[in-house]
Amino acid sequence: MRPAPTLVVLLATVTGANLFTEPYLLTGGGGPDGASASPVLVMYQRGIEQGNPDVGSAIGVLLVIGVMLLALLERRFVGREAR
């Protein structure tokens, strides 16, 4: 098989981790007690709305590291299945 399944899983992970617009617009910023808050929405709320750019930056760095680790794991396991 070709590496298409690996690419699809990787792109789905990156897209899911960067979810911002839907929870922000539909729930007015995360819903009750932040029930629908995504990591990117929390990064925006802490960094922009609450005026803590250092906290927002730290959340962003952790998000990038987390997505990179997930991508490496998915590449290893999904890539193995595609071979």
Foldseek 3Di string as FASTA:
>chain_A
DDCVVLVVVLVVLVVVQQDDDVCCVVQVQQHPPNVRPHLLSVLCCVVPVVPDVVVSVVSVVVSVVVSVVVSVVSCVVVVVVVD
